[in-house]
Amino acid sequence: MTASPVQQFLEHLGRDPVLQLRVQAAVTADEVAQLAQELGFAVSGCDLLMLSGRSTAGVRVTRVDHPGEYPGRYY
């Protein structure tokens, strides 16, 4: 079974410390998705938000709540 593009990106992220720093500096899920897309992974911000609270390939995805957002929108 083939891994999804999100899983492939997270596996790559787990092995690349420079990319980890870039992801940590990103403010939104869309910015992280843009980094993934630049590397050839078909990932959207929504894909990442749907994984919030889960670990995949040794990488934990955590959604940061920002003031003014609707709670429960992506989960």
PDB file of N, CA and C in Angstrom:
ATOM      1  N   MET A   1       0.847  -1.175   0.000  1.00  0.00           N
ATOM      2  CA  MET A   1       0.000   0.000   0.000  1.00  0.00           C
ATOM      3  C   MET A   1       0.897   1.244   0.000  1.00  0.00           C
ATOM      4  N   THR A   2       0.588   2.203  -0.826  1.00  0.00           N
ATOM      5  CA  THR A   2       1.391   3.421  -0.939  1.00  0.00           C
ATOM      6  C   THR A   2       0.953   4.441   0.106  1.00  0.00           C
ATOM      7  N   ALA A   3       1.930   5.158   0.611  1.00  0.00           N
ATOM      8  CA  ALA A   3       1.637   6.206   1.583  1.00  0.00           C
ATOM      9  C   ALA A   3       1.040   7.414   0.860  1.00  0.00           C
ATOM     10  N   SER A   4       0.183   8.129   1.567  1.00  0.00           N
ATOM     11  CA  SER A   4      -0.413   9.337   0.996  1.00  0.00           C
ATOM     12  C   SER A   4       0.659  10.424   0.880  1.00  0.00           C
ATOM     13  N   PRO A   5       0.404  11.438   0.071  1.00  0.00           N
ATOM     14  CA  PRO A   5       1.378  12.529  -0.045  1.00  0.00           C
ATOM     15  C   PRO A   5       1.687  13.187   1.306  1.00  0.00           C
ATOM     16  N   VAL A   6       0.682  13.295   2.177  1.00  0.00           N
ATOM     17  CA  VAL A   6       0.914  13.894   3.498  1.00  0.00           C
ATOM     18  C   VAL A   6       1.866  13.014   4.297  1.00  0.00           C
ATOM     19  N   GLN A   7       1.628  11.706   4.283  1.00  0.00           N
ATOM     20  CA  GLN A   7       2.506  10.788   5.011  1.00  0.00           C
ATOM     21  C   GLN A   7       3.915  10.825   4.440  1.00  0.00           C
ATOM     22  N   GLN A   8       4.036  10.882   3.119  1.00  0.00           N
ATOM     23  CA  GLN A   8       5.355  10.957   2.494  1.00  0.00           C
ATOM     24  C   GLN A   8       6.077  12.237   2.907  1.00  0.00           C
ATOM     25  N   PHE A   9       5.338  13.347   2.939  1.00  0.00           N
ATOM     26  CA  PHE A   9       5.937  14.611   3.362  1.00  0.00           C
ATOM     27  C   PHE A   9       6.387  14.540   4.817  1.00  0.00           C
ATOM     28  N   LEU A  10       5.562  13.983   5.680  1.00  0.00           N
ATOM     29  CA  LEU A  10       5.920  13.897   7.094  1.00  0.00           C
ATOM     30  C   LEU A  10       7.120  12.980   7.315  1.00  0.00           C
ATOM     31  N   GLU A  11       7.218  11.911   6.530  1.00  0.00           N
ATOM     32  CA  GLU A  11       8.403  11.047   6.605  1.00  0.00           C
ATOM     33  C   GLU A  11       9.648  11.830   6.204  1.00  0.00           C
ATOM     34  N   HIS A  12       9.539  12.598   5.134  1.00  0.00           N
ATOM     35  CA  HIS A  12      10.653  13.432   4.679  1.00  0.00           C
ATOM     36  C   HIS A  12      11.002  14.474   5.747  1.00  0.00           C
ATOM     37  N   LEU A  13       9.985  15.081   6.330  1.00  0.00           N
ATOM     38  CA  LEU A  13      10.173  16.076   7.379  1.00  0.00           C
ATOM     39  C   LEU A  13      10.913  15.484   8.578  1.00  0.00           C
ATOM     40  N   GLY A  14      10.590  14.253   8.931  1.00  0.00           N
ATOM     41  CA  GLY A  14      11.247  13.603  10.065  1.00  0.00           C
ATOM     42  C   GLY A  14      12.731  13.386   9.857  1.00  0.00           C
ATOM     43  N   ARG A  15      13.186  13.367   8.584  1.00  0.00           N
ATOM     44  CA  ARG A  15      14.601  13.126   8.279  1.00  0.00           C
ATOM     45  C   ARG A  15      15.376  14.396   7.938  1.00  0.00           C
ATOM     46  N   ASP A  16      14.705  15.530   7.847  1.00  0.00           N
ATOM     47  CA  ASP A  16      15.346  16.756   7.360  1.00  0.00           C
ATOM     48  C   ASP A  16      15.291  17.861   8.426  1.00  0.00           C
ATOM     49  N   PRO A  17      16.377  18.041   9.184  1.00  0.00           N
ATOM     50  CA  PRO A  17      16.363  19.039  10.271  1.00  0.00           C
ATOM     51  C   PRO A  17      16.211  20.482   9.772  1.00  0.00           C
ATOM     52  N   VAL A  18      16.708  20.790   8.589  1.00  0.00           N
ATOM     53  CA  VAL A  18      16.555  22.145   8.048  1.00  0.00           C
ATOM     54  C   VAL A  18      15.080  22.419   7.733  1.00  0.00           C
ATOM     55  N   LEU A  19      14.410  21.435   7.134  1.00  0.00           N
ATOM     56  CA  LEU A  19      12.986  21.570   6.840  1.00  0.00           C
ATOM     57  C   LEU A  19      12.190  21.679   8.139  1.00  0.00           C
ATOM     58  N   GLN A  20      12.583  20.957   9.161  1.00  0.00           N
ATOM     59  CA  GLN A  20      11.905  21.044  10.455  1.00  0.00           C
ATOM     60  C   GLN A  20      11.930  22.476  10.983  1.00  0.00           C
ATOM     61  N   LEU A  21      13.054  23.150  10.850  1.00  0.00           N
ATOM     62  CA  LEU A  21      13.157  24.542  11.294  1.00  0.00           C
ATOM     63  C   LEU A  21      12.247  25.452  10.474  1.00  0.00           C
ATOM     64  N   ARG A  22      12.185  25.203   9.177  1.00  0.00           N
ATOM     65  CA  ARG A  22      11.324  26.011   8.305  1.00  0.00           C
ATOM     66  C   ARG A  22       9.847  25.793   8.655  1.00  0.00           C
ATOM     67  N   VAL A  23       9.475  24.550   8.955  1.00  0.00           N
ATOM     68  CA  VAL A  23       8.095  24.246   9.324  1.00  0.00           C
ATOM     69  C   VAL A  23       7.755  24.898  10.667  1.00  0.00           C
ATOM     70  N   GLN A  24       8.674  24.848  11.611  1.00  0.00           N
ATOM     71  CA  GLN A  24       8.428  25.463  12.916  1.00  0.00           C
ATOM     72  C   GLN A  24       8.274  26.973  12.806  1.00  0.00           C
ATOM     73  N   ALA A  25       8.926  27.580  11.822  1.00  0.00           N
ATOM     74  CA  ALA A  25       8.833  29.025  11.623  1.00  0.00           C
ATOM     75  C   ALA A  25       7.559  29.428  10.881  1.00  0.00           C
ATOM     76  N   ALA A  26       6.898  28.479  10.242  1.00  0.00           N
ATOM     77  CA  ALA A  26       5.664  28.771   9.499  1.00  0.00           C
ATOM     78  C   ALA A  26       4.547  29.122  10.476  1.00  0.00           C
ATOM     79  N   VAL A  27       3.691  30.045  10.069  1.00  0.00           N
ATOM     80  CA  VAL A  27       2.618  30.512  10.941  1.00  0.00           C
ATOM     81  C   VAL A  27       1.319  29.742  10.702  1.00  0.00           C
ATOM     82  N   THR A  28       1.070  29.353   9.455  1.00  0.00           N
ATOM     83  CA  THR A  28      -0.190  28.689   9.123  1.00  0.00           C
ATOM     84  C   THR A  28       0.064  27.325   8.480  1.00  0.00           C
ATOM     85  N   ALA A  29      -0.983  26.516   8.477  1.00  0.00           N
ATOM     86  CA  ALA A  29      -0.912  25.214   7.810  1.00  0.00           C
ATOM     87  C   ALA A  29      -0.698  25.396   6.313  1.00  0.00           C
ATOM     88  N   ASP A  30      -1.249  26.464   5.755  1.00  0.00           N
ATOM     89  CA  ASP A  30      -1.057  26.725   4.326  1.00  0.00           C
ATOM     90  C   ASP A  30       0.408  27.011   4.009  1.00  0.00           C
ATOM     91  N   GLU A  31       1.113  27.675   4.918  1.00  0.00           N
ATOM     92  CA  GLU A  31       2.544  27.923   4.713  1.00  0.00           C
ATOM     93  C   GLU A  31       3.325  26.614   4.740  1.00  0.00           C
ATOM     94  N   VAL A  32       2.949  25.715   5.641  1.00  0.00           N
ATOM     95  CA  VAL A  32       3.604  24.397   5.696  1.00  0.00           C
ATOM     96  C   VAL A  32       3.294  23.621   4.418  1.00  0.00           C
ATOM     97  N   ALA A  33       2.045  23.697   3.961  1.00  0.00           N
ATOM     98  CA  ALA A  33       1.660  23.023   2.716  1.00  0.00           C
ATOM     99  C   ALA A  33       2.457  23.575   1.542  1.00  0.00           C
ATOM    100  N   GLN A  34       2.695  24.880   1.530  1.00  0.00           N
ATOM    101  CA  GLN A  34       3.490  25.487   0.464  1.00  0.00           C
ATOM    102  C   GLN A  34       4.910  24.922   0.460  1.00  0.00           C
ATOM    103  N   LEU A  35       5.488  24.736   1.647  1.00  0.00           N
ATOM    104  CA  LEU A  35       6.821  24.128   1.740  1.00  0.00           C
ATOM    105  C   LEU A  35       6.791  22.707   1.166  1.00  0.00           C
ATOM    106  N   ALA A  36       5.747  21.964   1.499  1.00  0.00           N
ATOM    107  CA  ALA A  36       5.609  20.590   0.982  1.00  0.00           C
ATOM    108  C   ALA A  36       5.486  20.600  -0.534  1.00  0.00           C
ATOM    109  N   GLN A  37       4.691  21.519  -1.057  1.00  0.00           N
ATOM    110  CA  GLN A  37       4.476  21.597  -2.500  1.00  0.00           C
ATOM    111  C   GLN A  37       5.762  21.968  -3.229  1.00  0.00           C
ATOM    112  N   GLU A  38       6.578  22.827  -2.630  1.00  0.00           N
ATOM    113  CA  GLU A  38       7.857  23.187  -3.237  1.00  0.00           C
ATOM    114  C   GLU A  38       8.776  21.974  -3.366  1.00  0.00           C
ATOM    115  N   LEU A  39       8.558  20.974  -2.508  1.00  0.00           N
ATOM    116  CA  LEU A  39       9.352  19.750  -2.554  1.00  0.00           C
ATOM    117  C   LEU A  39       8.690  18.663  -3.400  1.00  0.00           C
ATOM    118  N   GLY A  40       7.533  18.975  -3.985  1.00  0.00           N
ATOM    119  CA  GLY A  40       6.873  18.024  -4.875  1.00  0.00           C
ATOM    120  C   GLY A  40       5.802  17.170  -4.237  1.00  0.00           C
ATOM    121  N   PHE A  41       5.395  17.487  -3.011  1.00  0.00           N
ATOM    122  CA  PHE A  41       4.351  16.725  -2.328  1.00  0.00           C
ATOM    123  C   PHE A  41       3.016  17.447  -2.498  1.00  0.00           C
ATOM    124  N   ALA A  42       2.000  16.730  -2.942  1.00  0.00           N
ATOM    125  CA  ALA A  42       0.666  17.311  -3.150  1.00  0.00           C
ATOM    126  C   ALA A  42      -0.070  17.353  -1.815  1.00  0.00           C
ATOM    127  N   VAL A  43       0.223  18.388  -1.019  1.00  0.00           N
ATOM    128  CA  VAL A  43      -0.318  18.518   0.328  1.00  0.00           C
ATOM    129  C   VAL A  43      -1.017  19.868   0.439  1.00  0.00           C
ATOM    130  N   SER A  44      -2.183  19.881   1.097  1.00  0.00           N
ATOM    131  CA  SER A  44      -2.877  21.144   1.347  1.00  0.00           C
ATOM    132  C   SER A  44      -2.871  21.437   2.841  1.00  0.00           C
ATOM    133  N   GLY A  45      -3.149  22.671   3.178  1.00  0.00           N
ATOM    134  CA  GLY A  45      -3.241  23.046   4.581  1.00  0.00           C
ATOM    135  C   GLY A  45      -4.327  22.260   5.290  1.00  0.00           C
ATOM    136  N   CYS A  46      -5.425  22.032   4.597  1.00  0.00           N
ATOM    137  CA  CYS A  46      -6.530  21.257   5.169  1.00  0.00           C
ATOM    138  C   CYS A  46      -6.097  19.825   5.486  1.00  0.00           C
ATOM    139  N   ASP A  47      -5.299  19.225   4.583  1.00  0.00           N
ATOM    140  CA  ASP A  47      -4.780  17.874   4.825  1.00  0.00           C
ATOM    141  C   ASP A  47      -4.020  17.833   6.149  1.00  0.00           C
ATOM    142  N   LEU A  48      -3.208  18.851   6.375  1.00  0.00           N
ATOM    143  CA  LEU A  48      -2.407  18.905   7.601  1.00  0.00           C
ATOM    144  C   LEU A  48      -3.278  19.123   8.825  1.00  0.00           C
ATOM    145  N   LEU A  49      -4.257  20.012   8.714  1.00  0.00           N
ATOM    146  CA  LEU A  49      -5.135  20.285   9.854  1.00  0.00           C
ATOM    147  C   LEU A  49      -5.954  19.059  10.249  1.00  0.00           C
ATOM    148  N   MET A  50      -6.300  18.236   9.283  1.00  0.00           N
ATOM    149  CA  MET A  50      -7.059  17.018   9.582  1.00  0.00           C
ATOM    150  C   MET A  50      -6.247  16.023  10.408  1.00  0.00           C
ATOM    151  N   LEU A  51      -4.933  16.143  10.393  1.00  0.00           N
ATOM    152  CA  LEU A  51      -4.066  15.242  11.166  1.00  0.00           C
ATOM    153  C   LEU A  51      -3.732  15.794  12.546  1.00  0.00           C
ATOM    154  N   SER A  52      -4.280  16.937  12.896  1.00  0.00           N
ATOM    155  CA  SER A  52      -3.951  17.569  14.167  1.00  0.00           C
ATOM    156  C   SER A  52      -4.175  16.615  15.341  1.00  0.00           C
ATOM    157  N   GLY A  53      -3.183  16.556  16.203  1.00  0.00           N
ATOM    158  CA  GLY A  53      -3.254  15.693  17.378  1.00  0.00           C
ATOM    159  C   GLY A  53      -2.759  14.283  17.141  1.00  0.00           C
ATOM    160  N   ARG A  54      -2.356  13.970  15.932  1.00  0.00           N
ATOM    161  CA  ARG A  54      -1.882  12.619  15.607  1.00  0.00           C
ATOM    162  C   ARG A  54      -0.400  12.642  15.259  1.00  0.00           C
ATOM    163  N   SER A  55       0.200  11.470  15.372  1.00  0.00           N
ATOM    164  CA  SER A  55       1.594  11.304  14.958  1.00  0.00           C
ATOM    165  C   SER A  55       1.633  10.404  13.740  1.00  0.00           C
ATOM    166  N   THR A  56       2.427  10.786  12.776  1.00  0.00           N
ATOM    167  CA  THR A  56       2.635   9.992  11.574  1.00  0.00           C
ATOM    168  C   THR A  56       4.107  10.037  11.247  1.00  0.00           C
ATOM    169  N   ALA A  57       4.697   8.892  11.010  1.00  0.00           N
ATOM    170  CA  ALA A  57       6.108   8.791  10.639  1.00  0.00           C
ATOM    171  C   ALA A  57       7.006   9.459  11.677  1.00  0.00           C
ATOM    172  N   GLY A  58       6.602   9.379  12.953  1.00  0.00           N
ATOM    173  CA  GLY A  58       7.422   9.961  14.012  1.00  0.00           C
ATOM    174  C   GLY A  58       7.304  11.467  14.143  1.00  0.00           C
ATOM    175  N   VAL A  59       6.383  12.069  13.397  1.00  0.00           N
ATOM    176  CA  VAL A  59       6.174  13.519  13.440  1.00  0.00           C
ATOM    177  C   VAL A  59       4.781  13.774  14.003  1.00  0.00           C
ATOM    178  N   ARG A  60       4.703  14.581  15.043  1.00  0.00           N
ATOM    179  CA  ARG A  60       3.407  14.921  15.639  1.00  0.00           C
ATOM    180  C   ARG A  60       2.893  16.217  15.017  1.00  0.00           C
ATOM    181  N   VAL A  61       1.645  16.164  14.555  1.00  0.00           N
ATOM    182  CA  VAL A  61       1.013  17.328  13.944  1.00  0.00           C
ATOM    183  C   VAL A  61       0.152  17.998  15.011  1.00  0.00           C
ATOM    184  N   THR A  62       0.408  19.286  15.241  1.00  0.00           N
ATOM    185  CA  THR A  62      -0.336  20.023  16.257  1.00  0.00           C
ATOM    186  C   THR A  62      -0.891  21.304  15.660  1.00  0.00           C
ATOM    187  N   ARG A  63      -2.165  21.476  15.795  1.00  0.00           N
ATOM    188  CA  ARG A  63      -2.833  22.685  15.309  1.00  0.00           C
ATOM    189  C   ARG A  63      -2.780  23.733  16.404  1.00  0.00           C
ATOM    190  N   VAL A  64      -2.379  24.919  16.060  1.00  0.00           N
ATOM    191  CA  VAL A  64      -2.328  26.024  17.005  1.00  0.00           C
ATOM    192  C   VAL A  64      -3.616  26.825  16.860  1.00  0.00           C
ATOM    193  N   ASP A  65      -4.322  26.997  17.969  1.00  0.00           N
ATOM    194  CA  ASP A  65      -5.548  27.792  17.940  1.00  0.00           C
ATOM    195  C   ASP A  65      -5.199  29.269  17.944  1.00  0.00           C
ATOM    196  N   HIS A  66      -5.786  29.990  17.010  1.00  0.00           N
ATOM    197  CA  HIS A  66      -5.587  31.426  16.917  1.00  0.00           C
ATOM    198  C   HIS A  66      -6.879  32.128  17.330  1.00  0.00           C
ATOM    199  N   PRO A  67      -6.788  33.251  18.014  1.00  0.00           N
ATOM    200  CA  PRO A  67      -8.001  33.984  18.399  1.00  0.00           C
ATOM    201  C   PRO A  67      -8.842  34.336  17.177  1.00  0.00           C
ATOM    202  N   GLY A  68     -10.147  34.188  17.328  1.00  0.00           N
ATOM    203  CA  GLY A  68     -11.056  34.543  16.250  1.00  0.00           C
ATOM    204  C   GLY A  68     -11.424  33.403  15.327  1.00  0.00           C
ATOM    205  N   GLU A  69     -10.784  32.238  15.483  1.00  0.00           N
ATOM    206  CA  GLU A  69     -11.141  31.091  14.642  1.00  0.00           C
ATOM    207  C   GLU A  69     -12.321  30.345  15.255  1.00  0.00           C
ATOM    208  N   TYR A  70     -13.017  29.619  14.417  1.00  0.00           N
ATOM    209  CA  TYR A  70     -14.142  28.835  14.888  1.00  0.00           C
ATOM    210  C   TYR A  70     -13.643  27.524  15.458  1.00  0.00           C
ATOM    211  N   PRO A  71     -13.926  27.251  16.728  1.00  0.00           N
ATOM    212  CA  PRO A  71     -13.475  25.980  17.313  1.00  0.00           C
ATOM    213  C   PRO A  71     -14.159  24.797  16.635  1.00  0.00           C
ATOM    214  N   GLY A  72     -13.427  23.725  16.471  1.00  0.00           N
ATOM    215  CA  GLY A  72     -13.989  22.512  15.895  1.00  0.00           C
ATOM    216  C   GLY A  72     -14.128  22.523  14.392  1.00  0.00           C
ATOM    217  N   ARG A  73     -13.590  23.543  13.739  1.00  0.00           N
ATOM    218  CA  ARG A  73     -13.764  23.652  12.289  1.00  0.00           C
ATOM    219  C   ARG A  73     -13.136  22.498  11.528  1.00  0.00           C
ATOM    220  N   TYR A  74     -12.018  21.989  11.979  1.00  0.00           N
ATOM    221  CA  TYR A  74     -11.300  20.945  11.239  1.00  0.00           C
ATOM    222  C   TYR A  74     -11.294  19.592  11.931  1.00  0.00           C
ATOM    223  N   TYR A  75     -12.050  19.446  12.983  1.00  0.00           N
ATOM    224  CA  TYR A  75     -12.063  18.141  13.674  1.00  0.00           C
ATOM    225  C   TYR A  75     -13.432  17.852  14.201  1.00  0.00           C
TER     226      TYR A  75
END
